[in-house]
Amino acid sequence: MAKRKTRRERRSFTDEYKQQVLELIRAGDKSVSQICRDLDLTESTVRRWMTLDQESNGTMKQNSLSETDQQELERLRAENKRLKTEREILKKATAFFARESN
């Protein structure tokens, strides 16, 4: 007979504990999944704490880009936009010349 999972009793955590967990995640030594397993927490709960922390004060910004990476991203986005525009122009020119040759 299959074992039936018992429902875990609802636990509550202090804000201090939540911040300590978030600090472990910010350190980046282990994955979120591994930290959750080690601390016997559900991953969805910890990810919700991360989201709330980001929304409230933005302290989870450790993964934000460095200034050089940000500049590179902006440059690549501008280049991407220019290339898309060029492609659209070439599509229209191809269609125009295809009609003219018929």
Protein backbone atom coordinates (compact mmCIF):
# COMPACT_ATOMS: atom_id res chain seq x y z
CA MET A 1 0.00 0.00 0.00
CA ALA A 2 1.32 3.46 -0.87
CA LYS A 3 2.35 5.71 1.94
CA ARG A 4 0.17 8.70 2.33
CA LYS A 5 1.86 12.05 2.81
CA THR A 6 0.86 13.78 5.96
CA ARG A 7 0.16 17.41 5.76
CA ARG A 8 2.84 19.63 7.22
CA GLU A 9 1.73 21.89 10.01
CA ARG A 10 1.70 25.52 8.95
CA ARG A 11 4.79 27.29 10.19
CA SER A 12 5.49 30.97 10.56
CA PHE A 13 8.86 32.62 10.27
CA THR A 14 10.16 35.86 11.64
CA ASP A 15 11.28 38.63 9.33
CA GLU A 16 14.78 38.19 10.70
CA TYR A 17 14.82 34.52 9.71
CA LYS A 18 13.54 35.36 6.23
CA GLN A 19 16.31 37.93 5.81
CA GLN A 20 18.90 35.36 6.88
CA VAL A 21 17.60 32.94 4.26
CA LEU A 22 17.72 35.69 1.64
CA GLU A 23 21.31 36.46 2.65
CA LEU A 24 22.24 32.82 2.05
CA ILE A 25 20.71 33.08 -1.41
CA ARG A 26 22.51 36.36 -2.14
CA ALA A 27 25.82 34.75 -1.21
CA GLY A 28 25.33 32.50 -4.21
CA ASP A 29 27.24 29.55 -2.73
CA LYS A 30 24.28 27.19 -3.23
CA SER A 31 21.21 27.14 -5.43
CA VAL A 32 17.84 28.19 -4.06
CA SER A 33 16.68 24.57 -4.30
CA GLN A 34 19.62 23.32 -2.27
CA ILE A 35 19.15 25.97 0.41
CA CYS A 36 15.47 25.06 0.67
CA ARG A 37 16.29 21.37 1.09
CA ASP A 38 18.95 22.15 3.69
CA LEU A 39 16.59 24.33 5.73
CA ASP A 40 13.49 22.17 5.17
CA LEU A 41 11.61 24.97 3.43
CA THR A 42 9.43 24.86 0.37
CA GLU A 43 10.94 26.48 -2.68
CA SER A 44 7.73 28.34 -3.51
CA THR A 45 7.74 29.99 -0.10
CA VAL A 46 11.35 31.12 -0.42
CA ARG A 47 10.80 32.40 -3.95
CA ARG A 48 7.80 34.39 -2.67
CA TRP A 49 10.05 35.91 0.01
CA MET A 50 12.53 36.84 -2.73
CA THR A 51 9.81 38.50 -4.80
CA LEU A 52 8.45 40.41 -1.82
CA ASP A 53 11.94 41.53 -0.89
CA GLN A 54 12.59 42.77 -4.41
CA GLU A 55 9.31 44.67 -4.50
CA SER A 56 9.68 46.20 -1.07
CA ASN A 57 13.24 47.43 -1.07
CA GLY A 58 15.12 45.97 -4.01
CA THR A 59 17.75 44.27 -1.88
CA MET A 60 17.85 41.23 -4.16
CA LYS A 61 19.53 43.30 -6.86
CA GLN A 62 22.82 41.40 -6.46
CA ASN A 63 22.26 39.80 -9.86
CA SER A 64 21.91 43.17 -11.54
CA LEU A 65 24.32 43.95 -14.33
CA SER A 66 27.56 45.77 -13.86
CA GLU A 67 27.92 49.15 -15.53
CA THR A 68 29.92 47.72 -18.44
CA ASP A 69 27.39 44.91 -18.92
CA GLN A 70 24.56 47.45 -18.81
CA GLN A 71 26.28 49.55 -21.47
CA GLU A 72 26.83 46.45 -23.60
CA LEU A 73 23.17 45.51 -23.23
CA GLU A 74 22.06 48.99 -24.30
CA ARG A 75 24.41 48.87 -27.29
CA LEU A 76 23.13 45.45 -28.33
CA ARG A 77 19.52 46.53 -27.99
CA ALA A 78 20.16 49.56 -30.19
CA GLU A 79 21.95 47.39 -32.74
CA ASN A 80 19.11 44.88 -32.67
CA LYS A 81 16.57 47.64 -33.28
CA ARG A 82 18.63 48.98 -36.20
CA LEU A 83 18.98 45.52 -37.75
CA LYS A 84 15.25 44.86 -37.48
CA THR A 85 14.55 48.16 -39.21
CA GLU A 86 17.03 47.34 -41.97
CA ARG A 87 15.46 43.91 -42.43
CA GLU A 88 12.00 45.46 -42.80
CA ILE A 89 13.31 47.91 -45.40
CA LEU A 90 14.95 45.06 -47.34
CA LYS A 91 11.72 43.03 -47.23
CA LYS A 92 9.79 45.95 -48.69
CA ALA A 93 12.45 46.58 -51.34
CA THR A 94 12.44 42.90 -52.32
CA ALA A 95 8.67 42.92 -52.64
CA PHE A 96 8.79 46.13 -54.70
CA PHE A 97 11.38 44.78 -57.13
CA ALA A 98 9.58 41.44 -57.37
CA ARG A 99 6.41 43.27 -58.47
CA GLU A 100 8.38 45.44 -60.94
CA SER A 101 9.98 42.44 -62.64
CA ASN A 102 6.59 40.80 -63.31
